[in-house]
């Protein structure tokens, strides 16, 4: 089996940029590596995800309960795994993922305030994707810790999501939801022992290069174990 490295964070935290930097660097070092991105918008399996994010089931994230929304994303994940990247993982490649099951932990569990109910949901999600569906558990999860006062500004400045070719989705439009997702992400990152990369120092966002170097150092250390 290979290794799965996931880069996670709330919207606007710079995941795609850091994925590209890390992928290119490891590729230059002759690592056997592929990169994937969720949702897999190019596939029909993402149809319900796109409908949800476009607001066709309600214009607020809370209009779709976390179990239902998570099922949309889970189907897209297993389809992409079965059709494309699973064969690379099973032959021993490193899979570098821009979002994974971990995103549902951040964004969907944020809809649940009661701690016991949140834990119940997280246990259900883990069992659904990693046990019943058989998706591989990630080996390394890098959490880009970007507080909402900075990430919201970056989301607003970004405008259209170039990679997905659609306007801001219902998550990105809802600043309160982004704040709840960030607060929840701190709890999730601690619960699952993710590698926390602080993206801000002394009130300023760190440079892309500085954040990359921290990520690279942590990943190389983990891969050597």
C-alpha atoms as a PDB file:
ATOM      1  CA  UNK A   1       0.000   0.000   0.000  1.00  0.00           C
ATOM      2  CA  UNK A   2       1.004   3.583  -0.538  1.00  0.00           C
ATOM      3  CA  UNK A   3       0.701   6.662   1.626  1.00  0.00           C
ATOM      4  CA  UNK A   4      -2.050   9.261   1.710  1.00  0.00           C
ATOM      5  CA  UNK A   5      -1.118  12.824   2.584  1.00  0.00           C
ATOM      6  CA  UNK A   6      -4.034  15.212   2.975  1.00  0.00           C
ATOM      7  CA  UNK A   7      -3.864  18.979   3.147  1.00  0.00           C
ATOM      8  CA  UNK A   8      -6.890  20.376   4.960  1.00  0.00           C
ATOM      9  CA  UNK A   9      -8.173  23.711   6.125  1.00  0.00           C
ATOM     10  CA  UNK A  10     -11.176  25.958   5.908  1.00  0.00           C
ATOM     11  CA  UNK A  11     -12.042  27.812   2.703  1.00  0.00           C
ATOM     12  CA  UNK A  12      -9.435  30.402   1.800  1.00  0.00           C
ATOM     13  CA  UNK A  13      -6.594  28.771   3.736  1.00  0.00           C
ATOM     14  CA  UNK A  14      -4.419  28.145   0.671  1.00  0.00           C
ATOM     15  CA  UNK A  15      -4.795  24.386   0.268  1.00  0.00           C
ATOM     16  CA  UNK A  16      -4.550  24.257  -3.520  1.00  0.00           C
ATOM     17  CA  UNK A  17      -1.449  26.461  -3.616  1.00  0.00           C
ATOM     18  CA  UNK A  18       0.342  24.370  -1.006  1.00  0.00           C
ATOM     19  CA  UNK A  19      -0.676  21.096  -2.657  1.00  0.00           C
ATOM     20  CA  UNK A  20       0.936  22.272  -5.895  1.00  0.00           C
ATOM     21  CA  UNK A  21       4.163  23.339  -4.149  1.00  0.00           C
ATOM     22  CA  UNK A  22       4.494  20.088  -2.208  1.00  0.00           C
ATOM     23  CA  UNK A  23       3.628  17.904  -5.196  1.00  0.00           C
ATOM     24  CA  UNK A  24       6.196  19.556  -7.459  1.00  0.00           C
ATOM     25  CA  UNK A  25       8.929  19.358  -4.831  1.00  0.00           C
ATOM     26  CA  UNK A  26       8.364  15.682  -4.034  1.00  0.00           C
ATOM     27  CA  UNK A  27       8.062  14.899  -7.740  1.00  0.00           C
ATOM     28  CA  UNK A  28      11.423  16.613  -8.350  1.00  0.00           C
ATOM     29  CA  UNK A  29      12.877  14.308  -5.682  1.00  0.00           C
ATOM     30  CA  UNK A  30      11.671  11.337  -7.750  1.00  0.00           C
ATOM     31  CA  UNK A  31       8.965  10.311  -5.310  1.00  0.00           C
ATOM     32  CA  UNK A  32       6.270   8.105  -6.850  1.00  0.00           C
ATOM     33  CA  UNK A  33       3.434  10.551  -6.258  1.00  0.00           C
ATOM     34  CA  UNK A  34       0.082  11.604  -7.698  1.00  0.00           C
ATOM     35  CA  UNK A  35      -2.230  14.426  -6.628  1.00  0.00           C
ATOM     36  CA  UNK A  36      -6.005  14.375  -6.357  1.00  0.00           C
ATOM     37  CA  UNK A  37      -8.613  16.996  -5.532  1.00  0.00           C
ATOM     38  CA  UNK A  38     -12.064  16.668  -3.981  1.00  0.00           C
ATOM     39  CA  UNK A  39     -14.777  17.244  -4.949  1.00  0.00           C
ATOM     40  CA  UNK A  40     -13.965  15.551  -8.253  1.00  0.00           C
ATOM     41  CA  UNK A  41     -15.909  18.016 -10.351  1.00  0.00           C
ATOM     42  CA  UNK A  42     -14.919  16.403 -13.671  1.00  0.00           C
ATOM     43  CA  UNK A  43     -16.813  13.220 -12.759  1.00  0.00           C
ATOM     44  CA  UNK A  44     -20.581  12.565 -12.849  1.00  0.00           C
ATOM     45  CA  UNK A  45     -20.154  11.255  -9.289  1.00  0.00           C
ATOM     46  CA  UNK A  46     -19.970  14.859  -8.061  1.00  0.00           C
ATOM     47  CA  UNK A  47     -23.435  15.777  -9.390  1.00  0.00           C
ATOM     48  CA  UNK A  48     -25.146  15.859  -5.984  1.00  0.00           C
ATOM     49  CA  UNK A  49     -22.173  17.683  -4.451  1.00  0.00           C
ATOM     50  CA  UNK A  50     -22.436  20.393  -7.092  1.00  0.00           C
ATOM     51  CA  UNK A  51     -26.197  20.686  -6.584  1.00  0.00           C
ATOM     52  CA  UNK A  52     -25.695  21.033  -2.834  1.00  0.00           C
ATOM     53  CA  UNK A  53     -22.889  23.598  -3.096  1.00  0.00           C
ATOM     54  CA  UNK A  54     -24.795  25.567  -5.748  1.00  0.00           C
ATOM     55  CA  UNK A  55     -27.709  25.915  -3.343  1.00  0.00           C
ATOM     56  CA  UNK A  56     -30.224  23.751  -5.211  1.00  0.00           C
ATOM     57  CA  UNK A  57     -31.281  22.040  -1.955  1.00  0.00           C
ATOM     58  CA  UNK A  58     -31.320  25.291   0.032  1.00  0.00           C
ATOM     59  CA  UNK A  59     -29.235  28.453   0.007  1.00  0.00           C
ATOM     60  CA  UNK A  60     -27.722  27.844   3.454  1.00  0.00           C
ATOM     61  CA  UNK A  61     -25.399  24.943   4.389  1.00  0.00           C
ATOM     62  CA  UNK A  62     -27.689  24.030   7.293  1.00  0.00           C
ATOM     63  CA  UNK A  63     -30.581  23.407   4.877  1.00  0.00           C
ATOM     64  CA  UNK A  64     -29.036  19.970   4.243  1.00  0.00           C
ATOM     65  CA  UNK A  65     -28.279  17.947   7.358  1.00  0.00           C
ATOM     66  CA  UNK A  66     -24.671  16.752   7.845  1.00  0.00           C
ATOM     67  CA  UNK A  67     -25.447  13.086   7.267  1.00  0.00           C
ATOM     68  CA  UNK A  68     -27.101  13.712   3.911  1.00  0.00           C
ATOM     69  CA  UNK A  69     -24.465  16.178   2.710  1.00  0.00           C
ATOM     70  CA  UNK A  70     -21.683  13.831   3.809  1.00  0.00           C
ATOM     71  CA  UNK A  71     -23.233  11.002   1.792  1.00  0.00           C
ATOM     72  CA  UNK A  72     -23.028  13.178  -1.338  1.00  0.00           C
ATOM     73  CA  UNK A  73     -19.302  13.736  -0.818  1.00  0.00           C
ATOM     74  CA  UNK A  74     -18.635  10.133   0.216  1.00  0.00           C
ATOM     75  CA  UNK A  75     -20.102   8.737  -3.009  1.00  0.00           C
ATOM     76  CA  UNK A  76     -17.904  11.101  -5.025  1.00  0.00           C
ATOM     77  CA  UNK A  77     -14.854   9.999  -3.025  1.00  0.00           C
ATOM     78  CA  UNK A  78     -15.372   6.263  -3.424  1.00  0.00           C
ATOM     79  CA  UNK A  79     -16.113   6.619  -7.149  1.00  0.00           C
ATOM     80  CA  UNK A  80     -12.879   8.550  -7.743  1.00  0.00           C
ATOM     81  CA  UNK A  81     -10.942   6.023  -5.658  1.00  0.00           C
ATOM     82  CA  UNK A  82     -12.388   3.009  -7.484  1.00  0.00           C
ATOM     83  CA  UNK A  83     -12.089   4.441 -10.984  1.00  0.00           C
ATOM     84  CA  UNK A  84      -8.791   6.298 -10.853  1.00  0.00           C
ATOM     85  CA  UNK A  85      -6.420   6.752  -7.935  1.00  0.00           C
ATOM     86  CA  UNK A  86      -6.944   3.518  -5.989  1.00  0.00           C
ATOM     87  CA  UNK A  87      -4.691   1.555  -8.343  1.00  0.00           C
ATOM     88  CA  UNK A  88      -1.805   3.968  -7.735  1.00  0.00           C
ATOM     89  CA  UNK A  89      -2.292   3.808  -3.970  1.00  0.00           C
ATOM     90  CA  UNK A  90      -2.458   0.009  -3.992  1.00  0.00           C
ATOM     91  CA  UNK A  91       0.811  -0.295  -5.919  1.00  0.00           C
ATOM     92  CA  UNK A  92       2.612   1.853  -3.352  1.00  0.00           C
ATOM     93  CA  UNK A  93       2.383   5.435  -4.636  1.00  0.00           C
ATOM     94  CA  UNK A  94       2.063   8.520  -2.471  1.00  0.00           C
ATOM     95  CA  UNK A  95      -1.360  10.111  -2.945  1.00  0.00           C
ATOM     96  CA  UNK A  96      -1.448  13.839  -2.190  1.00  0.00           C
ATOM     97  CA  UNK A  97      -5.037  14.927  -1.576  1.00  0.00           C
ATOM     98  CA  UNK A  98      -6.572  18.379  -1.648  1.00  0.00           C
ATOM     99  CA  UNK A  99      -9.455  17.614   0.752  1.00  0.00           C
ATOM    100  CA  UNK A 100     -10.666  14.149   1.754  1.00  0.00           C
ATOM    101  CA  UNK A 101     -13.063  12.613   4.280  1.00  0.00           C
ATOM    102  CA  UNK A 102     -11.404  15.061   6.648  1.00  0.00           C
ATOM    103  CA  UNK A 103     -13.300  17.916   4.947  1.00  0.00           C
ATOM    104  CA  UNK A 104     -16.626  16.457   6.028  1.00  0.00           C
ATOM    105  CA  UNK A 105     -15.233  16.286   9.549  1.00  0.00           C
ATOM    106  CA  UNK A 106     -14.556  20.019   9.367  1.00  0.00           C
ATOM    107  CA  UNK A 107     -17.499  21.369   7.410  1.00  0.00           C
ATOM    108  CA  UNK A 108     -20.370  19.003   8.170  1.00  0.00           C
ATOM    109  CA  UNK A 109     -19.629  18.427  11.858  1.00  0.00           C
ATOM    110  CA  UNK A 110     -19.615  22.231  12.174  1.00  0.00           C
ATOM    111  CA  UNK A 111     -23.397  22.059  11.769  1.00  0.00           C
ATOM    112  CA  UNK A 112     -23.688  20.150  15.064  1.00  0.00           C
ATOM    113  CA  UNK A 113     -23.359  22.086  18.308  1.00  0.00           C
ATOM    114  CA  UNK A 114     -24.005  19.345  20.849  1.00  0.00           C
ATOM    115  CA  UNK A 115     -20.716  17.592  21.609  1.00  0.00           C
ATOM    116  CA  UNK A 116     -22.238  14.122  22.038  1.00  0.00           C
ATOM    117  CA  UNK A 117     -24.123  14.459  18.750  1.00  0.00           C
ATOM    118  CA  UNK A 118     -20.957  15.708  17.046  1.00  0.00           C
ATOM    119  CA  UNK A 119     -19.041  12.653  18.284  1.00  0.00           C
ATOM    120  CA  UNK A 120     -21.864  10.403  17.111  1.00  0.00           C
ATOM    121  CA  UNK A 121     -21.660  11.951  13.647  1.00  0.00           C
ATOM    122  CA  UNK A 122     -17.864  11.665  13.483  1.00  0.00           C
ATOM    123  CA  UNK A 123     -18.024   7.980  14.460  1.00  0.00           C
ATOM    124  CA  UNK A 124     -20.696   7.401  11.800  1.00  0.00           C
ATOM    125  CA  UNK A 125     -18.604   9.170   9.148  1.00  0.00           C
ATOM    126  CA  UNK A 126     -15.459   7.195   9.998  1.00  0.00           C
ATOM    127  CA  UNK A 127     -17.380   3.917   9.848  1.00  0.00           C
ATOM    128  CA  UNK A 128     -19.117   4.836   6.577  1.00  0.00           C
ATOM    129  CA  UNK A 129     -16.049   5.833   4.588  1.00  0.00           C
ATOM    130  CA  UNK A 130     -13.138   3.952   6.111  1.00  0.00           C
ATOM    131  CA  UNK A 131     -14.899   0.750   7.204  1.00  0.00           C
ATOM    132  CA  UNK A 132     -17.984   0.126   5.087  1.00  0.00           C
ATOM    133  CA  UNK A 133     -16.794   1.837   1.888  1.00  0.00           C
ATOM    134  CA  UNK A 134     -13.183   0.784   2.410  1.00  0.00           C
ATOM    135  CA  UNK A 135     -11.483   4.080   1.630  1.00  0.00           C
ATOM    136  CA  UNK A 136      -7.894   4.193   2.938  1.00  0.00           C
ATOM    137  CA  UNK A 137      -7.304   6.084   6.188  1.00  0.00           C
ATOM    138  CA  UNK A 138      -4.908   9.005   5.578  1.00  0.00           C
ATOM    139  CA  UNK A 139      -1.378   8.600   6.923  1.00  0.00           C
ATOM    140  CA  UNK A 140      -0.662  12.322   7.284  1.00  0.00           C
ATOM    141  CA  UNK A 141      -3.133  15.200   7.576  1.00  0.00           C
ATOM    142  CA  UNK A 142      -1.710  18.709   7.357  1.00  0.00           C
ATOM    143  CA  UNK A 143      -4.071  21.326   8.800  1.00  0.00           C
ATOM    144  CA  UNK A 144      -3.583  24.859   7.497  1.00  0.00           C
ATOM    145  CA  UNK A 145      -4.605  26.914  10.504  1.00  0.00           C
ATOM    146  CA  UNK A 146      -5.871  30.151   8.963  1.00  0.00           C
ATOM    147  CA  UNK A 147      -8.176  32.158  11.296  1.00  0.00           C
ATOM    148  CA  UNK A 148     -11.417  33.340   9.628  1.00  0.00           C
ATOM    149  CA  UNK A 149     -10.583  37.068   9.767  1.00  0.00           C
ATOM    150  CA  UNK A 150      -7.858  36.287   7.222  1.00  0.00           C
ATOM    151  CA  UNK A 151      -9.433  33.428   5.251  1.00  0.00           C
ATOM    152  CA  UNK A 152     -12.704  35.313   4.669  1.00  0.00           C
ATOM    153  CA  UNK A 153     -10.754  38.202   3.182  1.00  0.00           C
ATOM    154  CA  UNK A 154      -8.882  35.809   0.896  1.00  0.00           C
ATOM    155  CA  UNK A 155     -12.124  34.113  -0.202  1.00  0.00           C
ATOM    156  CA  UNK A 156     -13.661  37.477  -1.046  1.00  0.00           C
ATOM    157  CA  UNK A 157     -10.575  38.579  -2.944  1.00  0.00           C
ATOM    158  CA  UNK A 158     -10.400  35.322  -4.867  1.00  0.00           C
ATOM    159  CA  UNK A 159     -13.808  35.753  -6.500  1.00  0.00           C
ATOM    160  CA  UNK A 160     -14.495  32.731  -8.667  1.00  0.00           C
ATOM    161  CA  UNK A 161     -12.970  29.396  -7.792  1.00  0.00           C
ATOM    162  CA  UNK A 162     -10.743  28.928 -10.834  1.00  0.00           C
ATOM    163  CA  UNK A 163     -10.238  25.229 -10.250  1.00  0.00           C
ATOM    164  CA  UNK A 164     -13.955  24.423 -10.084  1.00  0.00           C
ATOM    165  CA  UNK A 165     -15.152  27.048 -12.574  1.00  0.00           C
ATOM    166  CA  UNK A 166     -18.111  28.205 -10.526  1.00  0.00           C
ATOM    167  CA  UNK A 167     -18.917  31.204  -8.317  1.00  0.00           C
ATOM    168  CA  UNK A 168     -18.536  31.047  -4.548  1.00  0.00           C
ATOM    169  CA  UNK A 169     -20.533  28.146  -3.127  1.00  0.00           C
ATOM    170  CA  UNK A 170     -23.000  28.254  -0.215  1.00  0.00           C
ATOM    171  CA  UNK A 171     -20.194  27.558   2.265  1.00  0.00           C
ATOM    172  CA  UNK A 172     -18.014  30.396   0.996  1.00  0.00           C
ATOM    173  CA  UNK A 173     -20.903  32.866   0.865  1.00  0.00           C
ATOM    174  CA  UNK A 174     -21.818  32.333   4.530  1.00  0.00           C
ATOM    175  CA  UNK A 175     -19.270  34.061   6.765  1.00  0.00           C
ATOM    176  CA  UNK A 176     -20.875  32.773   9.959  1.00  0.00           C
ATOM    177  CA  UNK A 177     -20.617  29.244   8.627  1.00  0.00           C
ATOM    178  CA  UNK A 178     -16.949  29.787   7.771  1.00  0.00           C
ATOM    179  CA  UNK A 179     -16.359  30.923  11.349  1.00  0.00           C
ATOM    180  CA  UNK A 180     -18.184  27.881  12.767  1.00  0.00           C
ATOM    181  CA  UNK A 181     -16.184  25.620  10.454  1.00  0.00           C
ATOM    182  CA  UNK A 182     -12.922  27.117  11.680  1.00  0.00           C
ATOM    183  CA  UNK A 183     -13.877  26.716  15.335  1.00  0.00           C
ATOM    184  CA  UNK A 184     -14.861  23.134  14.644  1.00  0.00           C
ATOM    185  CA  UNK A 185     -11.651  22.496  12.683  1.00  0.00           C
ATOM    186  CA  UNK A 186      -9.573  23.299  15.767  1.00  0.00           C
ATOM    187  CA  UNK A 187     -11.477  20.648  17.705  1.00  0.00           C
ATOM    188  CA  UNK A 188     -11.158  18.114  14.865  1.00  0.00           C
ATOM    189  CA  UNK A 189      -7.443  18.746  14.303  1.00  0.00           C
ATOM    190  CA  UNK A 190      -6.766  18.169  17.979  1.00  0.00           C
ATOM    191  CA  UNK A 191      -9.010  15.095  18.184  1.00  0.00           C
ATOM    192  CA  UNK A 192      -7.312  13.317  15.276  1.00  0.00           C
ATOM    193  CA  UNK A 193      -3.770  14.597  15.935  1.00  0.00           C
ATOM    194  CA  UNK A 194      -3.400  16.419  12.640  1.00  0.00           C
ATOM    195  CA  UNK A 195      -0.222  18.385  11.978  1.00  0.00           C
ATOM    196  CA  UNK A 196      -1.155  21.994  12.717  1.00  0.00           C
ATOM    197  CA  UNK A 197       0.555  24.576  10.500  1.00  0.00           C
ATOM    198  CA  UNK A 198      -0.101  28.115  11.736  1.00  0.00           C
ATOM    199  CA  UNK A 199      -0.517  30.397   8.714  1.00  0.00           C
ATOM    200  CA  UNK A 200      -0.412  33.664  10.670  1.00  0.00           C
ATOM    201  CA  UNK A 201       2.305  35.236  12.805  1.00  0.00           C
ATOM    202  CA  UNK A 202       2.166  38.582  14.608  1.00  0.00           C
ATOM    203  CA  UNK A 203      -1.062  39.515  12.864  1.00  0.00           C
ATOM    204  CA  UNK A 204       0.217  38.848   9.337  1.00  0.00           C
ATOM    205  CA  UNK A 205      -0.224  35.906   6.994  1.00  0.00           C
ATOM    206  CA  UNK A 206       3.037  34.026   6.503  1.00  0.00           C
ATOM    207  CA  UNK A 207       4.465  33.902   3.010  1.00  0.00           C
ATOM    208  CA  UNK A 208       3.567  31.018   0.718  1.00  0.00           C
ATOM    209  CA  UNK A 209       7.198  29.894   0.773  1.00  0.00           C
ATOM    210  CA  UNK A 210       7.390  29.942   4.564  1.00  0.00           C
ATOM    211  CA  UNK A 211       4.235  27.880   4.946  1.00  0.00           C
ATOM    212  CA  UNK A 212       5.484  25.480   2.289  1.00  0.00           C
ATOM    213  CA  UNK A 213       8.783  24.933   4.077  1.00  0.00           C
ATOM    214  CA  UNK A 214       6.977  24.066   7.298  1.00  0.00           C
ATOM    215  CA  UNK A 215       4.713  21.619   5.492  1.00  0.00           C
ATOM    216  CA  UNK A 216       7.598  20.040   3.590  1.00  0.00           C
ATOM    217  CA  UNK A 217       9.639  19.565   6.757  1.00  0.00           C
ATOM    218  CA  UNK A 218       6.754  17.867   8.584  1.00  0.00           C
ATOM    219  CA  UNK A 219       5.889  15.622   5.655  1.00  0.00           C
ATOM    220  CA  UNK A 220       9.476  14.486   5.066  1.00  0.00           C
ATOM    221  CA  UNK A 221       9.864  13.703   8.756  1.00  0.00           C
ATOM    222  CA  UNK A 222       6.653  11.676   8.766  1.00  0.00           C
ATOM    223  CA  UNK A 223       7.532   9.796   5.577  1.00  0.00           C
ATOM    224  CA  UNK A 224      10.842   8.676   7.091  1.00  0.00           C
ATOM    225  CA  UNK A 225       9.139   6.991  10.034  1.00  0.00           C
END
